[in-house]
Amino acid sequence: MLNFIAAFKNKPVIFVLLMAFIAGNAFAQTAGESEKLVKNLNLIKGPVVVTGLKNSRQTIKFNEKFVQGADWLNDLTITIKNLSDKPITYIHVDLDFPETINTGSIMAFPLFYGTMSPEPAKDKKLESIEPGGLLELKLDEKTLKRLRNFIETRQPLDNVMELGIRINLILFDDDTGWNGSIVRRDPNNPRRFVPIEQDK
């Protein structure tokens, strides 16, 4: 390596560019940055849409790779818009980690807003997201710690490079919901939701 550099000492411009290139590569390796990817797993159009995605350092676009270090999940914030004509009282979003399939089934970490209980759902001032309204779900420090403890039962979280975001369940203030299709609460089991039969 020293002989290689010595060959350029009599060519100042080339030598400076060469040293900048080497220093830049060394810095990138020291920073530990690598390509990351976030995918939108909701292919069916539903009553909500993810309108924004960011972390503590940058805005993120679905299906576009970006370079960042192990802190890429810090303050991950998902902005969701209510496209329906009904207030939403509950949202369940799953963060899927496809790389965990190497050690078993894919691990999914849930993020919640509101409650599934039919009684508190009546309090619209506290729980509802009005039509056209926005909700931000955030991986704050406490939630990120729970996520780390969850993933690291199988592998280090710092080794995770890919994430999928999936809307699992939405509930409206009239006790109907959506999980890929329109559903209603089962009167025999308030924590179960069954498809609503379409009118013939």
Protein backbone atom coordinates (compact mmCIF):
# COMPACT_ATOMS: atom_id res chain seq x y z
CA MET A 1 0.00 0.00 0.00
CA LEU A 2 2.88 2.40 0.86
CA ASN A 3 4.60 1.70 -2.43
CA PHE A 4 1.29 2.33 -4.24
CA ILE A 5 0.89 5.73 -2.60
CA ALA A 6 4.57 6.63 -3.09
CA ALA A 7 4.13 6.24 -6.84
CA PHE A 8 1.74 9.23 -6.84
CA LYS A 9 3.79 11.60 -4.65
CA ASN A 10 5.14 13.46 -7.63
CA LYS A 11 1.59 14.05 -8.92
CA PRO A 12 0.00 16.30 -6.28
CA VAL A 13 -3.56 16.46 -7.67
CA ILE A 14 -3.89 12.72 -8.20
CA PHE A 15 -2.32 12.06 -4.81
CA VAL A 16 -4.79 14.35 -3.01
CA LEU A 17 -7.77 12.74 -4.75
CA LEU A 18 -6.45 9.28 -3.94
CA MET A 19 -6.02 10.08 -0.24
CA ALA A 20 -9.53 11.61 -0.11
CA PHE A 21 -10.96 8.43 -1.63
CA ILE A 22 -9.16 6.21 0.89
CA ALA A 23 -10.19 8.43 3.82
CA GLY A 24 -13.79 8.47 2.62
CA ASN A 25 -13.95 4.69 2.45
CA ALA A 26 -12.36 4.37 5.87
CA PHE A 27 -14.90 6.80 7.36
CA ALA A 28 -17.85 4.92 5.81
CA GLN A 29 -16.57 1.65 7.25
CA THR A 30 -16.05 3.26 10.66
CA ALA A 31 -19.54 4.74 10.63
CA GLY A 32 -20.96 1.27 9.97
CA GLU A 33 -23.52 2.53 7.49
CA SER A 34 -25.22 0.17 5.05
CA GLU A 35 -28.23 -0.01 2.76
CA LYS A 36 -31.66 -0.21 4.40
CA LEU A 37 -35.08 -0.82 2.86
CA VAL A 38 -38.69 -0.28 3.99
CA LYS A 39 -41.56 -1.91 2.08
CA ASN A 40 -45.28 -1.18 2.12
CA LEU A 41 -46.99 -4.56 2.54
CA ASN A 42 -50.55 -3.27 2.05
CA LEU A 43 -51.25 -3.96 -1.61
CA ILE A 44 -55.05 -3.78 -1.24
CA LYS A 45 -56.53 -0.29 -1.12
CA GLY A 46 -58.15 0.27 2.26
CA PRO A 47 -59.68 3.02 4.41
CA VAL A 48 -56.26 4.35 5.46
CA VAL A 49 -52.99 5.10 3.71
CA VAL A 50 -49.45 5.72 4.92
CA THR A 51 -48.68 9.28 3.82
CA GLY A 52 -45.33 9.77 5.54
CA LEU A 53 -42.37 7.81 6.87
CA LYS A 54 -39.28 9.19 8.60
CA ASN A 55 -36.71 8.48 11.29
CA SER A 56 -34.55 10.70 13.47
CA ARG A 57 -32.32 11.64 10.53
CA GLN A 58 -34.29 11.61 7.30
CA THR A 59 -37.48 11.08 5.32
CA ILE A 60 -37.85 7.52 4.01
CA LYS A 61 -39.56 6.40 0.81
CA PHE A 62 -41.11 2.97 0.42
CA ASN A 63 -39.15 0.50 -1.72
CA GLU A 64 -36.17 2.86 -2.13
CA LYS A 65 -32.90 1.85 -0.51
CA PHE A 66 -31.10 4.39 1.66
CA VAL A 67 -27.82 4.35 3.54
CA GLN A 68 -27.76 4.79 7.31
CA GLY A 69 -26.20 3.27 10.40
CA ALA A 70 -27.64 1.05 13.11
CA ASP A 71 -29.71 3.99 14.38
CA TRP A 72 -32.09 3.84 11.39
CA LEU A 73 -35.04 2.72 13.53
CA ASN A 74 -34.60 5.53 16.05
CA ASP A 75 -37.80 7.61 16.24
CA LEU A 76 -39.23 5.80 13.20
CA THR A 77 -42.52 7.65 12.60
CA ILE A 78 -45.38 6.37 10.43
CA THR A 79 -48.01 8.92 9.38
CA ILE A 80 -51.41 7.38 8.56
CA LYS A 81 -54.36 9.19 6.98
CA ASN A 82 -58.03 8.24 7.46
CA LEU A 83 -59.51 8.02 3.95
CA SER A 84 -62.89 6.75 5.13
CA ASP A 85 -66.03 8.71 6.01
CA LYS A 86 -66.09 7.30 9.57
CA PRO A 87 -64.01 8.08 12.68
CA ILE A 88 -61.36 5.47 13.46
CA THR A 89 -61.01 4.36 17.08
CA TYR A 90 -58.31 1.69 16.78
CA ILE A 91 -55.37 0.91 14.50
CA HIS A 92 -53.04 -2.09 14.67
CA VAL A 93 -49.89 -1.88 12.52
CA ASP A 94 -47.33 -4.67 12.24
CA LEU A 95 -43.63 -4.11 11.60
CA ASP A 96 -42.47 -7.23 9.75
CA PHE A 97 -38.79 -8.23 9.76
CA PRO A 98 -38.30 -10.63 6.81
CA GLU A 99 -34.64 -11.37 7.60
CA THR A 100 -35.72 -13.19 10.76
CA ILE A 101 -37.01 -16.03 8.58
CA ASN A 102 -33.42 -17.28 8.62
CA THR A 103 -33.91 -18.35 12.24
CA GLY A 104 -37.60 -19.36 12.17
CA SER A 105 -40.89 -17.73 11.22
CA ILE A 106 -40.97 -14.03 10.29
CA MET A 107 -41.11 -11.86 13.39
CA ALA A 108 -43.70 -9.06 13.50
CA PHE A 109 -43.75 -6.29 16.11
CA PRO A 110 -47.13 -4.62 16.74
CA LEU A 111 -47.84 -0.90 17.10
CA PHE A 112 -51.27 0.14 18.41
CA TYR A 113 -53.41 3.23 18.63
CA GLY A 114 -56.65 3.30 20.63
CA THR A 115 -58.33 0.25 22.11
CA MET A 116 -60.25 -2.78 20.85
CA SER A 117 -62.74 -2.52 23.69
CA PRO A 118 -66.20 -1.41 22.47
CA GLU A 119 -66.86 0.79 25.52
CA PRO A 120 -63.91 3.25 25.44
CA ALA A 121 -64.35 3.49 21.66
CA LYS A 122 -67.41 5.65 22.37
CA ASP A 123 -65.19 8.44 23.70
CA LYS A 124 -64.48 10.14 20.35
CA LYS A 125 -62.59 13.05 21.90
CA LEU A 126 -59.85 10.74 23.16
CA GLU A 127 -59.80 7.90 20.69
CA SER A 128 -61.13 8.82 17.27
CA ILE A 129 -59.24 9.82 14.13
CA GLU A 130 -61.75 11.82 12.15
CA PRO A 131 -62.24 11.43 8.37
CA GLY A 132 -59.30 13.07 6.65
CA GLY A 133 -57.38 13.12 9.93
CA LEU A 134 -53.77 12.04 10.46
CA LEU A 135 -52.19 9.74 13.04
CA GLU A 136 -48.50 9.40 13.85
CA LEU A 137 -47.24 6.09 15.22
CA LYS A 138 -43.72 6.47 16.58
CA LEU A 139 -40.98 4.12 17.73
CA ASP A 140 -39.99 6.24 20.72
CA GLU A 141 -37.16 5.23 23.03
CA LYS A 142 -39.36 3.02 25.24
CA THR A 143 -41.03 1.24 22.31
CA LEU A 144 -37.71 0.77 20.51
CA LYS A 145 -36.32 -0.90 23.63
CA ARG A 146 -39.23 -3.37 23.59
CA LEU A 147 -38.65 -3.98 19.89
CA ARG A 148 -34.95 -4.66 20.52
CA ASN A 149 -35.72 -7.11 23.31
CA PHE A 150 -38.21 -8.87 21.01
CA ILE A 151 -35.95 -9.19 17.94
CA GLU A 152 -32.86 -10.08 19.94
CA THR A 153 -34.43 -13.28 21.19
CA ARG A 154 -33.39 -14.45 17.70
CA GLN A 155 -30.76 -12.08 16.29
CA PRO A 156 -29.14 -8.67 16.92
CA LEU A 157 -31.39 -5.77 15.95
CA ASP A 158 -28.35 -3.93 14.55
CA ASN A 159 -28.10 -6.64 11.86
CA VAL A 160 -31.62 -5.88 10.57
CA MET A 161 -31.54 -4.15 7.18
CA GLU A 162 -35.14 -4.52 5.95
CA LEU A 163 -38.57 -3.70 7.32
CA GLY A 164 -42.13 -4.21 6.08
CA ILE A 165 -45.07 -2.09 7.28
CA ARG A 166 -48.48 -3.73 7.29
CA ILE A 167 -51.87 -2.39 8.43
CA ASN A 168 -53.33 -5.32 10.38
CA LEU A 169 -56.69 -4.06 11.69
CA ILE A 170 -58.72 -0.85 11.78
CA LEU A 171 -61.88 -0.27 13.87
CA PHE A 172 -64.47 2.45 13.34
CA ASP A 173 -66.71 4.12 15.91
CA ASP A 174 -69.72 2.10 14.71
CA ASP A 175 -67.95 -1.15 15.74
CA THR A 176 -67.20 -2.21 12.18
CA GLY A 177 -63.66 -2.51 10.91
CA TRP A 178 -61.25 -3.49 8.17
CA ASN A 179 -58.51 -6.13 7.98
CA GLY A 180 -58.27 -6.47 4.22
CA SER A 181 -62.07 -6.68 3.99
CA ILE A 182 -64.94 -5.07 5.90
CA VAL A 183 -65.63 -6.80 9.24
CA ARG A 184 -67.87 -6.43 12.28
CA ARG A 185 -67.46 -7.42 15.92
CA ASP A 186 -68.59 -10.95 16.77
CA PRO A 187 -71.39 -10.59 19.37
CA ASN A 188 -70.28 -13.86 20.96
CA ASN A 189 -66.63 -12.86 21.22
CA PRO A 190 -65.91 -9.10 21.47
CA ARG A 191 -62.24 -9.59 20.54
CA ARG A 192 -63.10 -11.40 17.31
CA PHE A 193 -64.13 -9.78 14.03
CA VAL A 194 -65.99 -11.54 11.24
CA PRO A 195 -66.56 -10.53 7.59
CA ILE A 196 -69.71 -8.57 6.82
CA GLU A 197 -71.78 -10.34 4.18
CA GLN A 198 -72.30 -8.14 1.17
CA ASP A 199 -75.90 -7.38 0.16
CA LYS A 200 -77.02 -9.54 -2.74
